[in-house]
Amino acid sequence: MASRLPRKQLFSLTQSAASRIKQLMAARSAKSSQADDLFGVRVGLKRRGCNGLSYTMNYVTKDQVGKMDEVIKDQEVTVVVDANAVMYVAGTQMDYVTDALGSEFVFNNPNKKSECGCGQSFNV
Protein backbone atom coordinates (compact mmCIF):
# COMPACT_ATOMS: atom_id res chain seq x y z
CA MET A 1 0.00 0.00 0.00
CA ALA A 2 1.42 3.38 -1.02
CA SER A 3 1.76 5.96 1.69
CA ARG A 4 -0.19 9.16 1.31
CA LEU A 5 1.40 12.57 1.29
CA PRO A 6 0.56 14.64 4.35
CA ARG A 7 -2.53 16.73 3.74
CA LYS A 8 -1.97 20.47 3.92
CA GLN A 9 -4.15 22.26 6.43
CA LEU A 10 -7.08 24.01 4.78
CA PHE A 11 -6.83 27.15 6.90
CA SER A 12 -4.34 28.21 9.57
CA LEU A 13 -3.74 30.97 12.10
CA THR A 14 -0.60 32.79 13.10
CA GLN A 15 0.06 33.02 16.82
CA SER A 16 -0.94 36.68 16.69
CA ALA A 17 -4.34 35.89 15.11
CA ALA A 18 -5.01 33.03 17.54
CA SER A 19 -4.16 35.25 20.50
CA ARG A 20 -6.46 38.04 19.31
CA ILE A 21 -9.35 35.65 18.64
CA LYS A 22 -8.95 34.20 22.14
CA GLN A 23 -9.09 37.73 23.58
CA LEU A 24 -12.20 38.61 21.57
CA MET A 25 -13.96 35.38 22.51
CA ALA A 26 -13.13 35.84 26.20
CA ALA A 27 -14.52 39.38 26.11
CA ARG A 28 -17.64 38.17 24.29
CA SER A 29 -18.14 35.36 26.79
CA ALA A 30 -17.82 37.75 29.72
CA LYS A 31 -20.57 39.99 28.29
CA SER A 32 -22.95 37.32 26.99
CA SER A 33 -25.50 35.28 28.91
CA GLN A 34 -25.02 32.58 26.25
CA ALA A 35 -21.26 32.26 26.77
CA ASP A 36 -21.42 28.46 27.00
CA ASP A 37 -22.83 28.29 23.46
CA LEU A 38 -19.86 30.10 21.89
CA PHE A 39 -17.93 27.58 19.77
CA GLY A 40 -15.47 29.64 17.74
CA VAL A 41 -15.38 32.00 14.77
CA ARG A 42 -16.83 31.48 11.32
CA VAL A 43 -14.87 32.64 8.29
CA GLY A 44 -16.76 33.09 5.05
CA LEU A 45 -16.90 35.15 1.89
CA LYS A 46 -19.36 37.65 0.46
CA ARG A 47 -19.55 38.98 -3.06
CA ARG A 48 -18.79 42.66 -2.59
CA GLY A 49 -16.11 45.25 -3.03
CA CYS A 50 -14.44 46.45 -6.17
CA ASN A 51 -12.69 43.14 -6.87
CA GLY A 52 -15.37 40.53 -6.20
CA LEU A 53 -14.95 38.75 -2.84
CA SER A 54 -14.52 39.96 0.70
CA TYR A 55 -13.90 38.00 3.91
CA THR A 56 -16.46 37.81 6.71
CA MET A 57 -15.83 36.75 10.27
CA ASN A 58 -18.45 36.19 12.97
CA TYR A 59 -18.85 34.32 16.24
CA VAL A 60 -20.41 30.89 15.84
CA THR A 61 -22.21 28.43 18.12
CA LYS A 62 -22.18 24.64 17.66
CA ASP A 63 -25.73 24.59 16.36
CA GLN A 64 -24.77 27.06 13.59
CA VAL A 65 -22.16 24.70 12.13
CA GLY A 66 -23.42 23.15 8.90
CA LYS A 67 -22.81 19.60 7.70
CA MET A 68 -20.56 20.77 4.89
CA ASP A 69 -18.64 23.41 6.87
CA GLU A 70 -15.00 22.69 7.69
CA VAL A 71 -14.11 22.83 11.38
CA ILE A 72 -10.44 23.59 12.03
CA LYS A 73 -8.75 23.61 15.41
CA ASP A 74 -5.49 25.57 15.35
CA GLN A 75 -3.58 26.88 18.38
CA GLU A 76 -6.54 26.16 20.68
CA VAL A 77 -8.90 28.23 18.51
CA THR A 78 -11.82 26.77 16.57
CA VAL A 79 -12.38 28.22 13.12
CA VAL A 80 -15.40 27.17 11.08
CA VAL A 81 -14.86 27.73 7.36
CA ASP A 82 -18.16 28.22 5.59
CA ALA A 83 -18.84 25.45 3.08
CA ASN A 84 -19.23 27.96 0.24
CA ALA A 85 -15.81 29.48 0.97
CA VAL A 86 -13.72 26.29 1.22
CA MET A 87 -12.55 26.18 -2.39
CA TYR A 88 -11.54 29.85 -2.29
CA VAL A 89 -9.59 29.81 0.99
CA ALA A 90 -7.65 26.54 0.73
CA GLY A 91 -4.16 27.14 2.15
CA THR A 92 -5.02 30.56 3.60
CA GLN A 93 -3.30 31.80 6.74
CA MET A 94 -5.03 34.40 8.91
CA ASP A 95 -2.80 36.91 10.69
CA TYR A 96 -3.47 39.82 13.02
CA VAL A 97 -1.31 42.87 12.38
CA THR A 98 -0.91 46.18 14.16
CA ASP A 99 0.70 49.28 12.68
CA ALA A 100 0.69 53.02 13.31
CA LEU A 101 -2.79 53.41 11.80
CA GLY A 102 -4.59 50.54 13.50
CA SER A 103 -4.93 46.80 13.71
CA GLU A 104 -6.76 44.22 11.62
CA PHE A 105 -7.00 40.59 10.61
CA VAL A 106 -5.18 39.91 7.35
CA PHE A 107 -5.80 36.86 5.16
CA ASN A 108 -2.75 35.57 3.28
CA ASN A 109 -4.47 33.62 0.52
CA PRO A 110 -2.24 31.82 -2.00
CA ASN A 111 -5.20 31.49 -4.40
CA LYS A 112 -5.93 35.19 -4.93
CA LYS A 113 -5.17 36.50 -8.38
CA SER A 114 -5.74 40.18 -7.65
CA GLU A 115 -7.01 42.52 -4.96
CA CYS A 116 -8.31 46.06 -4.85
CA GLY A 117 -6.09 48.96 -3.88
CA CYS A 118 -7.40 49.13 -0.32
CA GLY A 119 -6.95 45.36 0.15
CA GLN A 120 -10.53 44.77 1.29
CA SER A 121 -11.64 42.59 -1.62
CA PHE A 122 -9.95 40.08 -3.87
CA ASN A 123 -10.47 37.86 -6.91
CA VAL A 124 -9.65 34.19 -7.32
C-alpha atoms as a PDB file:
ATOM      1  CA  MET A   1       0.000   0.000   0.000  1.00  0.00           C
ATOM      2  CA  ALA A   2       1.422   3.375  -1.020  1.00  0.00           C
ATOM      3  CA  SER A   3       1.761   5.962   1.688  1.00  0.00           C
ATOM      4  CA  ARG A   4      -0.187   9.165   1.309  1.00  0.00           C
ATOM      5  CA  LEU A   5       1.395  12.568   1.289  1.00  0.00           C
ATOM      6  CA  PRO A   6       0.558  14.644   4.345  1.00  0.00           C
ATOM      7  CA  ARG A   7      -2.533  16.733   3.740  1.00  0.00           C
ATOM      8  CA  LYS A   8      -1.968  20.473   3.916  1.00  0.00           C
ATOM      9  CA  GLN A   9      -4.147  22.257   6.432  1.00  0.00           C
ATOM     10  CA  LEU A  10      -7.083  24.007   4.779  1.00  0.00           C
ATOM     11  CA  PHE A  11      -6.835  27.151   6.901  1.00  0.00           C
ATOM     12  CA  SER A  12      -4.340  28.209   9.570  1.00  0.00           C
ATOM     13  CA  LEU A  13      -3.744  30.970  12.095  1.00  0.00           C
ATOM     14  CA  THR A  14      -0.600  32.792  13.101  1.00  0.00           C
ATOM     15  CA  GLN A  15       0.061  33.016  16.815  1.00  0.00           C
ATOM     16  CA  SER A  16      -0.937  36.684  16.694  1.00  0.00           C
ATOM     17  CA  ALA A  17      -4.337  35.887  15.108  1.00  0.00           C
ATOM     18  CA  ALA A  18      -5.009  33.033  17.537  1.00  0.00           C
ATOM     19  CA  SER A  19      -4.160  35.245  20.498  1.00  0.00           C
ATOM     20  CA  ARG A  20      -6.456  38.039  19.312  1.00  0.00           C
ATOM     21  CA  ILE A  21      -9.351  35.653  18.639  1.00  0.00           C
ATOM     22  CA  LYS A  22      -8.950  34.203  22.144  1.00  0.00           C
ATOM     23  CA  GLN A  23      -9.090  37.732  23.576  1.00  0.00           C
ATOM     24  CA  LEU A  24     -12.199  38.605  21.570  1.00  0.00           C
ATOM     25  CA  MET A  25     -13.961  35.380  22.511  1.00  0.00           C
ATOM     26  CA  ALA A  26     -13.133  35.838  26.197  1.00  0.00           C
ATOM     27  CA  ALA A  27     -14.524  39.384  26.113  1.00  0.00           C
ATOM     28  CA  ARG A  28     -17.642  38.173  24.288  1.00  0.00           C
ATOM     29  CA  SER A  29     -18.135  35.357  26.791  1.00  0.00           C
ATOM     30  CA  ALA A  30     -17.823  37.753  29.719  1.00  0.00           C
ATOM     31  CA  LYS A  31     -20.567  39.993  28.292  1.00  0.00           C
ATOM     32  CA  SER A  32     -22.952  37.325  26.993  1.00  0.00           C
ATOM     33  CA  SER A  33     -25.497  35.279  28.910  1.00  0.00           C
ATOM     34  CA  GLN A  34     -25.025  32.575  26.251  1.00  0.00           C
ATOM     35  CA  ALA A  35     -21.259  32.256  26.770  1.00  0.00           C
ATOM     36  CA  ASP A  36     -21.416  28.462  27.000  1.00  0.00           C
ATOM     37  CA  ASP A  37     -22.834  28.294  23.464  1.00  0.00           C
ATOM     38  CA  LEU A  38     -19.858  30.104  21.888  1.00  0.00           C
ATOM     39  CA  PHE A  39     -17.932  27.582  19.767  1.00  0.00           C
ATOM     40  CA  GLY A  40     -15.472  29.645  17.740  1.00  0.00           C
ATOM     41  CA  VAL A  41     -15.375  31.997  14.774  1.00  0.00           C
ATOM     42  CA  ARG A  42     -16.828  31.477  11.321  1.00  0.00           C
ATOM     43  CA  VAL A  43     -14.875  32.639   8.287  1.00  0.00           C
ATOM     44  CA  GLY A  44     -16.759  33.085   5.052  1.00  0.00           C
ATOM     45  CA  LEU A  45     -16.903  35.150   1.887  1.00  0.00           C
ATOM     46  CA  LYS A  46     -19.359  37.653   0.456  1.00  0.00           C
ATOM     47  CA  ARG A  47     -19.552  38.982  -3.058  1.00  0.00           C
ATOM     48  CA  ARG A  48     -18.793  42.663  -2.591  1.00  0.00           C
ATOM     49  CA  GLY A  49     -16.106  45.247  -3.026  1.00  0.00           C
ATOM     50  CA  CYS A  50     -14.444  46.448  -6.174  1.00  0.00           C
ATOM     51  CA  ASN A  51     -12.689  43.143  -6.875  1.00  0.00           C
ATOM     52  CA  GLY A  52     -15.372  40.528  -6.197  1.00  0.00           C
ATOM     53  CA  LEU A  53     -14.955  38.752  -2.841  1.00  0.00           C
ATOM     54  CA  SER A  54     -14.524  39.959   0.705  1.00  0.00           C
ATOM     55  CA  TYR A  55     -13.902  37.996   3.909  1.00  0.00           C
ATOM     56  CA  THR A  56     -16.455  37.810   6.705  1.00  0.00           C
ATOM     57  CA  MET A  57     -15.830  36.747  10.273  1.00  0.00           C
ATOM     58  CA  ASN A  58     -18.449  36.187  12.972  1.00  0.00           C
ATOM     59  CA  TYR A  59     -18.852  34.321  16.239  1.00  0.00           C
ATOM     60  CA  VAL A  60     -20.411  30.886  15.838  1.00  0.00           C
ATOM     61  CA  THR A  61     -22.207  28.430  18.124  1.00  0.00           C
ATOM     62  CA  LYS A  62     -22.178  24.644  17.661  1.00  0.00           C
ATOM     63  CA  ASP A  63     -25.734  24.592  16.363  1.00  0.00           C
ATOM     64  CA  GLN A  64     -24.772  27.058  13.594  1.00  0.00           C
ATOM     65  CA  VAL A  65     -22.156  24.701  12.127  1.00  0.00           C
ATOM     66  CA  GLY A  66     -23.420  23.149   8.897  1.00  0.00           C
ATOM     67  CA  LYS A  67     -22.812  19.599   7.704  1.00  0.00           C
ATOM     68  CA  MET A  68     -20.560  20.768   4.890  1.00  0.00           C
ATOM     69  CA  ASP A  69     -18.642  23.415   6.870  1.00  0.00           C
ATOM     70  CA  GLU A  70     -14.998  22.686   7.689  1.00  0.00           C
ATOM     71  CA  VAL A  71     -14.114  22.829  11.381  1.00  0.00           C
ATOM     72  CA  ILE A  72     -10.441  23.590  12.030  1.00  0.00           C
ATOM     73  CA  LYS A  73      -8.747  23.609  15.407  1.00  0.00           C
ATOM     74  CA  ASP A  74      -5.486  25.568  15.347  1.00  0.00           C
ATOM     75  CA  GLN A  75      -3.585  26.882  18.376  1.00  0.00           C
ATOM     76  CA  GLU A  76      -6.542  26.163  20.676  1.00  0.00           C
ATOM     77  CA  VAL A  77      -8.903  28.232  18.507  1.00  0.00           C
ATOM     78  CA  THR A  78     -11.818  26.767  16.566  1.00  0.00           C
ATOM     79  CA  VAL A  79     -12.384  28.223  13.116  1.00  0.00           C
ATOM     80  CA  VAL A  80     -15.398  27.170  11.076  1.00  0.00           C
ATOM     81  CA  VAL A  81     -14.856  27.725   7.364  1.00  0.00           C
ATOM     82  CA  ASP A  82     -18.165  28.221   5.591  1.00  0.00           C
ATOM     83  CA  ALA A  83     -18.841  25.447   3.076  1.00  0.00           C
ATOM     84  CA  ASN A  84     -19.231  27.963   0.242  1.00  0.00           C
ATOM     85  CA  ALA A  85     -15.806  29.479   0.974  1.00  0.00           C
ATOM     86  CA  VAL A  86     -13.724  26.287   1.224  1.00  0.00           C
ATOM     87  CA  MET A  87     -12.549  26.175  -2.387  1.00  0.00           C
ATOM     88  CA  TYR A  88     -11.539  29.851  -2.290  1.00  0.00           C
ATOM     89  CA  VAL A  89      -9.591  29.809   0.989  1.00  0.00           C
ATOM     90  CA  ALA A  90      -7.647  26.538   0.733  1.00  0.00           C
ATOM     91  CA  GLY A  91      -4.163  27.142   2.146  1.00  0.00           C
ATOM     92  CA  THR A  92      -5.018  30.563   3.602  1.00  0.00           C
ATOM     93  CA  GLN A  93      -3.297  31.804   6.739  1.00  0.00           C
ATOM     94  CA  MET A  94      -5.027  34.399   8.910  1.00  0.00           C
ATOM     95  CA  ASP A  95      -2.801  36.907  10.690  1.00  0.00           C
ATOM     96  CA  TYR A  96      -3.466  39.822  13.022  1.00  0.00           C
ATOM     97  CA  VAL A  97      -1.313  42.874  12.380  1.00  0.00           C
ATOM     98  CA  THR A  98      -0.912  46.184  14.159  1.00  0.00           C
ATOM     99  CA  ASP A  99       0.697  49.275  12.677  1.00  0.00           C
ATOM    100  CA  ALA A 100       0.689  53.018  13.310  1.00  0.00           C
ATOM    101  CA  LEU A 101      -2.795  53.408  11.800  1.00  0.00           C
ATOM    102  CA  GLY A 102      -4.590  50.536  13.501  1.00  0.00           C
ATOM    103  CA  SER A 103      -4.929  46.802  13.710  1.00  0.00           C
ATOM    104  CA  GLU A 104      -6.760  44.216  11.620  1.00  0.00           C
ATOM    105  CA  PHE A 105      -7.005  40.595  10.608  1.00  0.00           C
ATOM    106  CA  VAL A 106      -5.182  39.911   7.349  1.00  0.00           C
ATOM    107  CA  PHE A 107      -5.800  36.864   5.165  1.00  0.00           C
ATOM    108  CA  ASN A 108      -2.752  35.567   3.280  1.00  0.00           C
ATOM    109  CA  ASN A 109      -4.472  33.622   0.515  1.00  0.00           C
ATOM    110  CA  PRO A 110      -2.241  31.819  -1.998  1.00  0.00           C
ATOM    111  CA  ASN A 111      -5.203  31.489  -4.398  1.00  0.00           C
ATOM    112  CA  LYS A 112      -5.930  35.186  -4.935  1.00  0.00           C
ATOM    113  CA  LYS A 113      -5.169  36.497  -8.384  1.00  0.00           C
ATOM    114  CA  SER A 114      -5.736  40.177  -7.650  1.00  0.00           C
ATOM    115  CA  GLU A 115      -7.013  42.521  -4.955  1.00  0.00           C
ATOM    116  CA  CYS A 116      -8.313  46.057  -4.854  1.00  0.00           C
ATOM    117  CA  GLY A 117      -6.086  48.958  -3.881  1.00  0.00           C
ATOM    118  CA  CYS A 118      -7.399  49.127  -0.324  1.00  0.00           C
ATOM    119  CA  GLY A 119      -6.952  45.361   0.155  1.00  0.00           C
ATOM    120  CA  GLN A 120     -10.533  44.774   1.289  1.00  0.00           C
ATOM    121  CA  SER A 121     -11.640  42.594  -1.618  1.00  0.00           C
ATOM    122  CA  PHE A 122      -9.952  40.078  -3.875  1.00  0.00           C
ATOM    123  CA  ASN A 123     -10.467  37.865  -6.911  1.00  0.00           C
ATOM    124  CA  VAL A 124      -9.648  34.187  -7.323  1.00  0.00           C
END
